[in-house]
Protein backbone atom coordinates (compact mmCIF):
# COMPACT_ATOMS: atom_id res chain seq x y z
CA UNK A 1 0.00 0.00 0.00
CA UNK A 2 1.37 3.43 -0.93
CA UNK A 3 1.93 6.25 1.51
CA UNK A 4 -0.86 8.26 -0.13
CA UNK A 5 -3.28 5.35 0.34
CA UNK A 6 -2.34 5.07 4.01
CA UNK A 7 -2.83 8.82 4.47
CA UNK A 8 -6.28 8.58 2.85
CA UNK A 9 -7.28 5.74 5.19
CA UNK A 10 -6.19 7.74 8.24
CA UNK A 11 -7.98 10.83 6.92
CA UNK A 12 -11.23 9.00 6.20
CA UNK A 13 -11.30 7.85 9.84
CA UNK A 14 -11.50 11.47 11.07
CA UNK A 15 -12.91 13.42 8.10
CA UNK A 16 -15.70 15.91 8.69
CA UNK A 17 -16.47 16.20 4.96
CA UNK A 18 -15.82 14.11 1.84
CA UNK A 19 -12.11 13.60 1.20
CA UNK A 20 -11.06 15.37 -2.03
CA UNK A 21 -9.93 13.19 -4.91
CA UNK A 22 -7.01 15.54 -5.62
CA UNK A 23 -3.94 14.92 -3.48
CA UNK A 24 -3.01 18.63 -3.52
CA UNK A 25 -6.40 20.00 -2.41
CA UNK A 26 -6.42 21.87 0.90
CA UNK A 27 -8.00 19.68 3.56
CA UNK A 28 -8.80 22.77 5.63
CA UNK A 29 -10.43 24.73 2.78
CA UNK A 30 -12.50 21.66 1.85
CA UNK A 31 -13.73 21.36 5.45
CA UNK A 32 -12.30 17.85 5.79
CA UNK A 33 -10.39 18.77 8.96
CA UNK A 34 -9.99 21.83 11.15
CA UNK A 35 -7.35 22.70 13.74
CA UNK A 36 -8.96 20.32 16.26
CA UNK A 37 -9.38 17.62 13.64
CA UNK A 38 -5.71 17.98 12.77
CA UNK A 39 -4.78 16.53 16.15
CA UNK A 40 -7.09 13.56 15.58
CA UNK A 41 -5.67 13.12 12.07
CA UNK A 42 -2.10 13.18 13.41
CA UNK A 43 -3.02 10.50 15.95
CA UNK A 44 -4.38 8.28 13.18
CA UNK A 45 -1.27 8.88 11.08
CA UNK A 46 1.01 8.02 13.99
CA UNK A 47 -0.84 4.73 14.44
CA UNK A 48 -0.84 4.00 10.70
CA UNK A 49 2.88 4.71 10.20
CA UNK A 50 4.30 3.94 13.64
CA UNK A 51 6.05 7.32 13.64
CA UNK A 52 5.64 10.02 16.30
CA UNK A 53 5.12 13.51 14.89
CA UNK A 54 7.17 15.95 17.02
CA UNK A 55 5.21 18.82 18.54
CA UNK A 56 7.26 21.41 16.64
CA UNK A 57 6.14 19.81 13.37
CA UNK A 58 2.42 20.14 14.18
CA UNK A 59 1.54 23.02 11.92
CA UNK A 60 -1.45 23.11 9.58
CA UNK A 61 0.77 24.22 6.69
CA UNK A 62 2.79 20.97 6.82
CA UNK A 63 -0.34 18.83 6.89
CA UNK A 64 -2.57 20.87 4.59
CA UNK A 65 -2.85 18.39 1.72
CA UNK A 66 -2.65 14.65 1.26
CA UNK A 67 0.44 15.15 -0.91
CA UNK A 68 2.23 17.16 1.82
CA UNK A 69 1.35 14.61 4.49
CA UNK A 70 2.57 11.71 2.32
CA UNK A 71 5.81 13.58 1.54
CA UNK A 72 6.39 14.26 5.25
CA UNK A 73 6.04 10.56 6.14
CA UNK A 74 8.04 9.41 3.10
CA UNK A 75 10.91 11.67 4.22
CA UNK A 76 10.86 10.02 7.67
CA UNK A 77 11.03 6.55 6.11
CA UNK A 78 14.18 7.43 4.19
CA UNK A 79 16.05 8.90 6.90
PDB file of N, CA and C in Angstrom:
ATOM      1  N   UNK A   1       0.851  -1.177   0.000  1.00  0.00           N
ATOM      2  CA  UNK A   1       0.000   0.000   0.000  1.00  0.00           C
ATOM      3  C   UNK A   1       0.898   1.243   0.000  1.00  0.00           C
ATOM      4  N   UNK A   2       0.558   2.209  -0.827  1.00  0.00           N
ATOM      5  CA  UNK A   2       1.369   3.425  -0.931  1.00  0.00           C
ATOM      6  C   UNK A   2       1.149   4.346   0.263  1.00  0.00           C
ATOM      7  N   UNK A   3       2.052   5.277   0.427  1.00  0.00           N
ATOM      8  CA  UNK A   3       1.929   6.255   1.506  1.00  0.00           C
ATOM      9  C   UNK A   3       0.654   7.069   1.336  1.00  0.00           C
ATOM     10  N   UNK A   4       0.356   7.478   0.123  1.00  0.00           N
ATOM     11  CA  UNK A   4      -0.865   8.260  -0.135  1.00  0.00           C
ATOM     12  C   UNK A   4      -2.101   7.462   0.268  1.00  0.00           C
ATOM     13  N   UNK A   5      -2.133   6.180  -0.039  1.00  0.00           N
ATOM     14  CA  UNK A   5      -3.279   5.349   0.337  1.00  0.00           C
ATOM     15  C   UNK A   5      -3.416   5.262   1.857  1.00  0.00           C
ATOM     16  N   UNK A   6      -2.299   5.113   2.556  1.00  0.00           N
ATOM     17  CA  UNK A   6      -2.337   5.066   4.015  1.00  0.00           C
ATOM     18  C   UNK A   6      -2.824   6.389   4.598  1.00  0.00           C
ATOM     19  N   UNK A   7      -2.382   7.498   4.012  1.00  0.00           N
ATOM     20  CA  UNK A   7      -2.828   8.820   4.470  1.00  0.00           C
ATOM     21  C   UNK A   7      -4.332   8.955   4.264  1.00  0.00           C
ATOM     22  N   UNK A   8      -4.835   8.516   3.123  1.00  0.00           N
ATOM     23  CA  UNK A   8      -6.281   8.584   2.849  1.00  0.00           C
ATOM     24  C   UNK A   8      -7.079   7.764   3.859  1.00  0.00           C
ATOM     25  N   UNK A   9      -6.592   6.586   4.208  1.00  0.00           N
ATOM     26  CA  UNK A   9      -7.278   5.740   5.189  1.00  0.00           C
ATOM     27  C   UNK A   9      -7.346   6.448   6.536  1.00  0.00           C
ATOM     28  N   UNK A  10      -6.223   7.016   6.965  1.00  0.00           N
ATOM     29  CA  UNK A  10      -6.190   7.743   8.236  1.00  0.00           C
ATOM     30  C   UNK A  10      -7.120   8.943   8.189  1.00  0.00           C
ATOM     31  N   UNK A  11      -7.135   9.649   7.071  1.00  0.00           N
ATOM     32  CA  UNK A  11      -7.977  10.834   6.923  1.00  0.00           C
ATOM     33  C   UNK A  11      -9.460  10.466   6.938  1.00  0.00           C
ATOM     34  N   UNK A  12      -9.822   9.416   6.251  1.00  0.00           N
ATOM     35  CA  UNK A  12     -11.228   9.001   6.199  1.00  0.00           C
ATOM     36  C   UNK A  12     -11.762   8.649   7.584  1.00  0.00           C
ATOM     37  N   UNK A  13     -10.878   8.202   8.480  1.00  0.00           N
ATOM     38  CA  UNK A  13     -11.298   7.847   9.837  1.00  0.00           C
ATOM     39  C   UNK A  13     -11.707   9.069  10.659  1.00  0.00           C
ATOM     40  N   UNK A  14     -11.230  10.255  10.280  1.00  0.00           N
ATOM     41  CA  UNK A  14     -11.500  11.469  11.068  1.00  0.00           C
ATOM     42  C   UNK A  14     -12.149  12.587  10.264  1.00  0.00           C
ATOM     43  N   UNK A  15     -12.403  12.369   8.985  1.00  0.00           N
ATOM     44  CA  UNK A  15     -12.908  13.416   8.096  1.00  0.00           C
ATOM     45  C   UNK A  15     -14.275  13.937   8.521  1.00  0.00           C
ATOM     46  N   UNK A  16     -14.429  15.243   8.398  1.00  0.00           N
ATOM     47  CA  UNK A  16     -15.696  15.907   8.695  1.00  0.00           C
ATOM     48  C   UNK A  16     -16.470  16.261   7.420  1.00  0.00           C
ATOM     49  N   UNK A  17     -15.860  15.949   6.274  1.00  0.00           N
ATOM     50  CA  UNK A  17     -16.471  16.196   4.963  1.00  0.00           C
ATOM     51  C   UNK A  17     -15.841  15.190   3.999  1.00  0.00           C
ATOM     52  N   UNK A  18     -16.405  15.051   2.807  1.00  0.00           N
ATOM     53  CA  UNK A  18     -15.820  14.113   1.843  1.00  0.00           C
ATOM     54  C   UNK A  18     -14.348  14.452   1.547  1.00  0.00           C
ATOM     55  N   UNK A  19     -13.532  13.425   1.481  1.00  0.00           N
ATOM     56  CA  UNK A  19     -12.108  13.605   1.203  1.00  0.00           C
ATOM     57  C   UNK A  19     -11.948  13.920  -0.285  1.00  0.00           C
ATOM     58  N   UNK A  20     -11.229  15.003  -0.612  1.00  0.00           N
ATOM     59  CA  UNK A  20     -11.056  15.368  -2.026  1.00  0.00           C
ATOM     60  C   UNK A  20     -10.293  14.293  -2.803  1.00  0.00           C
ATOM     61  N   UNK A  21     -10.616  14.152  -4.057  1.00  0.00           N
ATOM     62  CA  UNK A  21      -9.925  13.186  -4.913  1.00  0.00           C
ATOM     63  C   UNK A  21      -8.511  13.657  -5.249  1.00  0.00           C
ATOM     64  N   UNK A  22      -8.310  14.970  -5.272  1.00  0.00           N
ATOM     65  CA  UNK A  22      -7.008  15.539  -5.618  1.00  0.00           C
ATOM     66  C   UNK A  22      -6.086  15.518  -4.404  1.00  0.00           C
ATOM     67  N   UNK A  23      -4.885  15.024  -4.583  1.00  0.00           N
ATOM     68  CA  UNK A  23      -3.939  14.925  -3.481  1.00  0.00           C
ATOM     69  C   UNK A  23      -3.391  16.278  -3.034  1.00  0.00           C
ATOM     70  N   UNK A  24      -3.543  17.314  -3.882  1.00  0.00           N
ATOM     71  CA  UNK A  24      -3.014  18.626  -3.518  1.00  0.00           C
ATOM     72  C   UNK A  24      -4.102  19.618  -3.103  1.00  0.00           C
ATOM     73  N   UNK A  25      -5.312  19.133  -2.879  1.00  0.00           N
ATOM     74  CA  UNK A  25      -6.401  19.996  -2.412  1.00  0.00           C
ATOM     75  C   UNK A  25      -6.234  20.280  -0.919  1.00  0.00           C
ATOM     76  N   UNK A  26      -6.528  21.509  -0.509  1.00  0.00           N
ATOM     77  CA  UNK A  26      -6.423  21.869   0.905  1.00  0.00           C
ATOM     78  C   UNK A  26      -7.502  21.160   1.707  1.00  0.00           C
ATOM     79  N   UNK A  27      -7.062  20.398   2.705  1.00  0.00           N
ATOM     80  CA  UNK A  27      -8.004  19.675   3.559  1.00  0.00           C
ATOM     81  C   UNK A  27      -8.766  20.632   4.460  1.00  0.00           C
ATOM     82  N   UNK A  28      -8.152  21.765   4.787  1.00  0.00           N
ATOM     83  CA  UNK A  28      -8.803  22.768   5.635  1.00  0.00           C
ATOM     84  C   UNK A  28      -9.845  23.543   4.839  1.00  0.00           C
ATOM     85  N   UNK A  29      -9.486  23.987   3.630  1.00  0.00           N
ATOM     86  CA  UNK A  29     -10.432  24.727   2.785  1.00  0.00           C
ATOM     87  C   UNK A  29     -11.632  23.878   2.396  1.00  0.00           C
ATOM     88  N   UNK A  30     -11.415  22.577   2.228  1.00  0.00           N
ATOM     89  CA  UNK A  30     -12.499  21.663   1.847  1.00  0.00           C
ATOM     90  C   UNK A  30     -13.364  21.272   3.044  1.00  0.00           C
ATOM     91  N   UNK A  31     -12.953  21.681   4.255  1.00  0.00           N
ATOM     92  CA  UNK A  31     -13.725  21.361   5.448  1.00  0.00           C
ATOM     93  C   UNK A  31     -13.549  19.924   5.928  1.00  0.00           C
ATOM     94  N   UNK A  32     -12.536  19.242   5.411  1.00  0.00           N
ATOM     95  CA  UNK A  32     -12.303  17.847   5.791  1.00  0.00           C
ATOM     96  C   UNK A  32     -11.791  17.767   7.225  1.00  0.00           C
ATOM     97  N   UNK A  33     -10.871  18.669   7.582  1.00  0.00           N
ATOM     98  CA  UNK A  33     -10.386  18.772   8.956  1.00  0.00           C
ATOM     99  C   UNK A  33     -10.260  20.240   9.331  1.00  0.00           C
ATOM    100  N   UNK A  34     -10.257  20.492  10.630  1.00  0.00           N
ATOM    101  CA  UNK A  34      -9.990  21.834  11.148  1.00  0.00           C
ATOM    102  C   UNK A  34      -8.829  21.705  12.117  1.00  0.00           C
ATOM    103  N   UNK A  35      -8.518  22.757  12.855  1.00  0.00           N
ATOM    104  CA  UNK A  35      -7.354  22.696  13.744  1.00  0.00           C
ATOM    105  C   UNK A  35      -7.513  21.620  14.816  1.00  0.00           C
ATOM    106  N   UNK A  36      -8.734  21.389  15.282  1.00  0.00           N
ATOM    107  CA  UNK A  36      -8.960  20.323  16.256  1.00  0.00           C
ATOM    108  C   UNK A  36      -8.869  18.953  15.581  1.00  0.00           C
ATOM    109  N   UNK A  37      -9.434  18.862  14.400  1.00  0.00           N
ATOM    110  CA  UNK A  37      -9.382  17.618  13.636  1.00  0.00           C
ATOM    111  C   UNK A  37      -7.971  17.243  13.234  1.00  0.00           C
ATOM    112  N   UNK A  38      -7.103  18.252  13.110  1.00  0.00           N
ATOM    113  CA  UNK A  38      -5.710  17.982  12.770  1.00  0.00           C
ATOM    114  C   UNK A  38      -5.073  17.082  13.819  1.00  0.00           C
ATOM    115  N   UNK A  39      -5.357  17.331  15.079  1.00  0.00           N
ATOM    116  CA  UNK A  39      -4.779  16.525  16.148  1.00  0.00           C
ATOM    117  C   UNK A  39      -5.257  15.065  16.061  1.00  0.00           C
ATOM    118  N   UNK A  40      -6.525  14.903  15.757  1.00  0.00           N
ATOM    119  CA  UNK A  40      -7.095  13.563  15.577  1.00  0.00           C
ATOM    120  C   UNK A  40      -6.445  12.864  14.372  1.00  0.00           C
ATOM    121  N   UNK A  41      -6.298  13.620  13.296  1.00  0.00           N
ATOM    122  CA  UNK A  41      -5.673  13.120  12.069  1.00  0.00           C
ATOM    123  C   UNK A  41      -4.232  12.685  12.347  1.00  0.00           C
ATOM    124  N   UNK A  42      -3.490  13.509  13.078  1.00  0.00           N
ATOM    125  CA  UNK A  42      -2.101  13.182  13.412  1.00  0.00           C
ATOM    126  C   UNK A  42      -2.050  11.877  14.226  1.00  0.00           C
ATOM    127  N   UNK A  43      -2.971  11.734  15.159  1.00  0.00           N
ATOM    128  CA  UNK A  43      -3.023  10.498  15.947  1.00  0.00           C
ATOM    129  C   UNK A  43      -3.230   9.277  15.071  1.00  0.00           C
ATOM    130  N   UNK A  44      -4.136   9.388  14.113  1.00  0.00           N
ATOM    131  CA  UNK A  44      -4.379   8.281  13.182  1.00  0.00           C
ATOM    132  C   UNK A  44      -3.136   7.992  12.345  1.00  0.00           C
ATOM    133  N   UNK A  45      -2.474   9.054  11.880  1.00  0.00           N
ATOM    134  CA  UNK A  45      -1.269   8.884  11.077  1.00  0.00           C
ATOM    135  C   UNK A  45      -0.156   8.213  11.886  1.00  0.00           C
ATOM    136  N   UNK A  46      -0.013   8.625  13.134  1.00  0.00           N
ATOM    137  CA  UNK A  46       1.011   8.024  13.987  1.00  0.00           C
ATOM    138  C   UNK A  46       0.755   6.531  14.169  1.00  0.00           C
ATOM    139  N   UNK A  47      -0.494   6.154  14.330  1.00  0.00           N
ATOM    140  CA  UNK A  47      -0.838   4.725  14.440  1.00  0.00           C
ATOM    141  C   UNK A  47      -0.581   3.993  13.125  1.00  0.00           C
ATOM    142  N   UNK A  48      -0.974   4.618  12.029  1.00  0.00           N
ATOM    143  CA  UNK A  48      -0.836   3.997  10.703  1.00  0.00           C
ATOM    144  C   UNK A  48       0.631   3.774  10.324  1.00  0.00           C
ATOM    145  N   UNK A  49       1.481   4.766  10.631  1.00  0.00           N
ATOM    146  CA  UNK A  49       2.875   4.706  10.204  1.00  0.00           C
ATOM    147  C   UNK A  49       3.845   4.283  11.299  1.00  0.00           C
ATOM    148  N   UNK A  50       3.403   4.279  12.547  1.00  0.00           N
ATOM    149  CA  UNK A  50       4.304   3.938  13.638  1.00  0.00           C
ATOM    150  C   UNK A  50       5.394   4.970  13.843  1.00  0.00           C
ATOM    151  N   UNK A  51       5.089   6.217  13.514  1.00  0.00           N
ATOM    152  CA  UNK A  51       6.047   7.323  13.637  1.00  0.00           C
ATOM    153  C   UNK A  51       5.404   8.422  14.471  1.00  0.00           C
ATOM    154  N   UNK A  52       6.126   8.914  15.470  1.00  0.00           N
ATOM    155  CA  UNK A  52       5.639  10.024  16.296  1.00  0.00           C
ATOM    156  C   UNK A  52       5.941  11.335  15.587  1.00  0.00           C
ATOM    157  N   UNK A  53       4.933  12.187  15.473  1.00  0.00           N
ATOM    158  CA  UNK A  53       5.117  13.515  14.887  1.00  0.00           C
ATOM    159  C   UNK A  53       5.519  14.460  16.019  1.00  0.00           C
ATOM    160  N   UNK A  54       6.734  15.032  15.956  1.00  0.00           N
ATOM    161  CA  UNK A  54       7.171  15.946  17.016  1.00  0.00           C
ATOM    162  C   UNK A  54       6.264  17.174  17.109  1.00  0.00           C
ATOM    163  N   UNK A  55       6.079  17.667  18.322  1.00  0.00           N
ATOM    164  CA  UNK A  55       5.208  18.824  18.543  1.00  0.00           C
ATOM    165  C   UNK A  55       5.563  20.007  17.654  1.00  0.00           C
ATOM    166  N   UNK A  56       6.858  20.255  17.452  1.00  0.00           N
ATOM    167  CA  UNK A  56       7.264  21.409  16.644  1.00  0.00           C
ATOM    168  C   UNK A  56       6.900  21.261  15.166  1.00  0.00           C
ATOM    169  N   UNK A  57       6.551  20.053  14.759  1.00  0.00           N
ATOM    170  CA  UNK A  57       6.137  19.808  13.372  1.00  0.00           C
ATOM    171  C   UNK A  57       4.623  19.972  13.172  1.00  0.00           C
ATOM    172  N   UNK A  58       3.883  20.100  14.255  1.00  0.00           N
ATOM    173  CA  UNK A  58       2.417  20.136  14.180  1.00  0.00           C
ATOM    174  C   UNK A  58       1.898  21.500  13.748  1.00  0.00           C
ATOM    175  N   UNK A  59       2.064  21.780  12.470  1.00  0.00           N
ATOM    176  CA  UNK A  59       1.541  23.020  11.917  1.00  0.00           C
ATOM    177  C   UNK A  59       0.602  22.685  10.763  1.00  0.00           C
ATOM    178  N   UNK A  60      -0.505  23.395  10.674  1.00  0.00           N
ATOM    179  CA  UNK A  60      -1.449  23.111   9.584  1.00  0.00           C
ATOM    180  C   UNK A  60      -0.804  23.175   8.199  1.00  0.00           C
ATOM    181  N   UNK A  61       0.142  24.079   8.009  1.00  0.00           N
ATOM    182  CA  UNK A  61       0.769  24.223   6.695  1.00  0.00           C
ATOM    183  C   UNK A  61       1.456  22.926   6.248  1.00  0.00           C
ATOM    184  N   UNK A  62       2.086  22.206   7.162  1.00  0.00           N
ATOM    185  CA  UNK A  62       2.794  20.967   6.824  1.00  0.00           C
ATOM    186  C   UNK A  62       1.839  19.810   6.544  1.00  0.00           C
ATOM    187  N   UNK A  63       0.618  19.910   7.032  1.00  0.00           N
ATOM    188  CA  UNK A  63      -0.341  18.825   6.895  1.00  0.00           C
ATOM    189  C   UNK A  63      -1.606  19.292   6.160  1.00  0.00           C
ATOM    190  N   UNK A  64      -1.435  20.250   5.262  1.00  0.00           N
ATOM    191  CA  UNK A  64      -2.567  20.875   4.587  1.00  0.00           C
ATOM    192  C   UNK A  64      -3.175  20.015   3.477  1.00  0.00           C
ATOM    193  N   UNK A  65      -2.349  19.213   2.828  1.00  0.00           N
ATOM    194  CA  UNK A  65      -2.847  18.392   1.722  1.00  0.00           C
ATOM    195  C   UNK A  65      -2.388  16.944   1.902  1.00  0.00           C
ATOM    196  N   UNK A  66      -3.049  16.051   1.222  1.00  0.00           N
ATOM    197  CA  UNK A  66      -2.654  14.649   1.258  1.00  0.00           C
ATOM    198  C   UNK A  66      -1.232  14.497   0.732  1.00  0.00           C
ATOM    199  N   UNK A  67      -0.899  15.227  -0.328  1.00  0.00           N
ATOM    200  CA  UNK A  67       0.444  15.148  -0.913  1.00  0.00           C
ATOM    201  C   UNK A  67       1.508  15.592   0.094  1.00  0.00           C
ATOM    202  N   UNK A  68       1.255  16.682   0.821  1.00  0.00           N
ATOM    203  CA  UNK A  68       2.225  17.163   1.816  1.00  0.00           C
ATOM    204  C   UNK A  68       2.384  16.168   2.958  1.00  0.00           C
ATOM    205  N   UNK A  69       1.296  15.592   3.406  1.00  0.00           N
ATOM    206  CA  UNK A  69       1.350  14.609   4.491  1.00  0.00           C
ATOM    207  C   UNK A  69       2.151  13.386   4.039  1.00  0.00           C
ATOM    208  N   UNK A  70       1.857  12.888   2.843  1.00  0.00           N
ATOM    209  CA  UNK A  70       2.566  11.715   2.322  1.00  0.00           C
ATOM    210  C   UNK A  70       4.058  12.016   2.182  1.00  0.00           C
ATOM    211  N   UNK A  71       4.393  13.200   1.692  1.00  0.00           N
ATOM    212  CA  UNK A  71       5.809  13.576   1.542  1.00  0.00           C
ATOM    213  C   UNK A  71       6.503  13.636   2.897  1.00  0.00           C
ATOM    214  N   UNK A  72       5.808  14.161   3.910  1.00  0.00           N
ATOM    215  CA  UNK A  72       6.395  14.258   5.252  1.00  0.00           C
ATOM    216  C   UNK A  72       6.730  12.852   5.772  1.00  0.00           C
ATOM    217  N   UNK A  73       5.799  11.919   5.643  1.00  0.00           N
ATOM    218  CA  UNK A  73       6.039  10.562   6.145  1.00  0.00           C
ATOM    219  C   UNK A  73       7.049   9.810   5.277  1.00  0.00           C
ATOM    220  N   UNK A  74       7.039  10.039   3.966  1.00  0.00           N
ATOM    221  CA  UNK A  74       8.043   9.410   3.097  1.00  0.00           C
ATOM    222  C   UNK A  74       9.448   9.867   3.488  1.00  0.00           C
ATOM    223  N   UNK A  75       9.605  11.143   3.811  1.00  0.00           N
ATOM    224  CA  UNK A  75      10.913  11.672   4.219  1.00  0.00           C
ATOM    225  C   UNK A  75      11.391  11.011   5.502  1.00  0.00           C
ATOM    226  N   UNK A  76      10.488  10.676   6.403  1.00  0.00           N
ATOM    227  CA  UNK A  76      10.860  10.020   7.672  1.00  0.00           C
ATOM    228  C   UNK A  76      11.265   8.574   7.437  1.00  0.00           C
ATOM    229  N   UNK A  77      10.680   7.941   6.427  1.00  0.00           N
ATOM    230  CA  UNK A  77      11.030   6.551   6.111  1.00  0.00           C
ATOM    231  C   UNK A  77      12.461   6.444   5.581  1.00  0.00           C
ATOM    232  N   UNK A  78      12.857   7.458   4.821  1.00  0.00           N
ATOM    233  CA  UNK A  78      14.177   7.430   4.189  1.00  0.00           C
ATOM    234  C   UNK A  78      15.292   7.807   5.142  1.00  0.00           C
ATOM    235  N   UNK A  79      14.934   8.513   6.178  1.00  0.00           N
ATOM    236  CA  UNK A  79      16.051   8.896   6.901  1.00  0.00           C
ATOM    237  C   UNK A  79      16.133   9.447   8.162  1.00  0.00           C
TER     238      UNK A  79
END
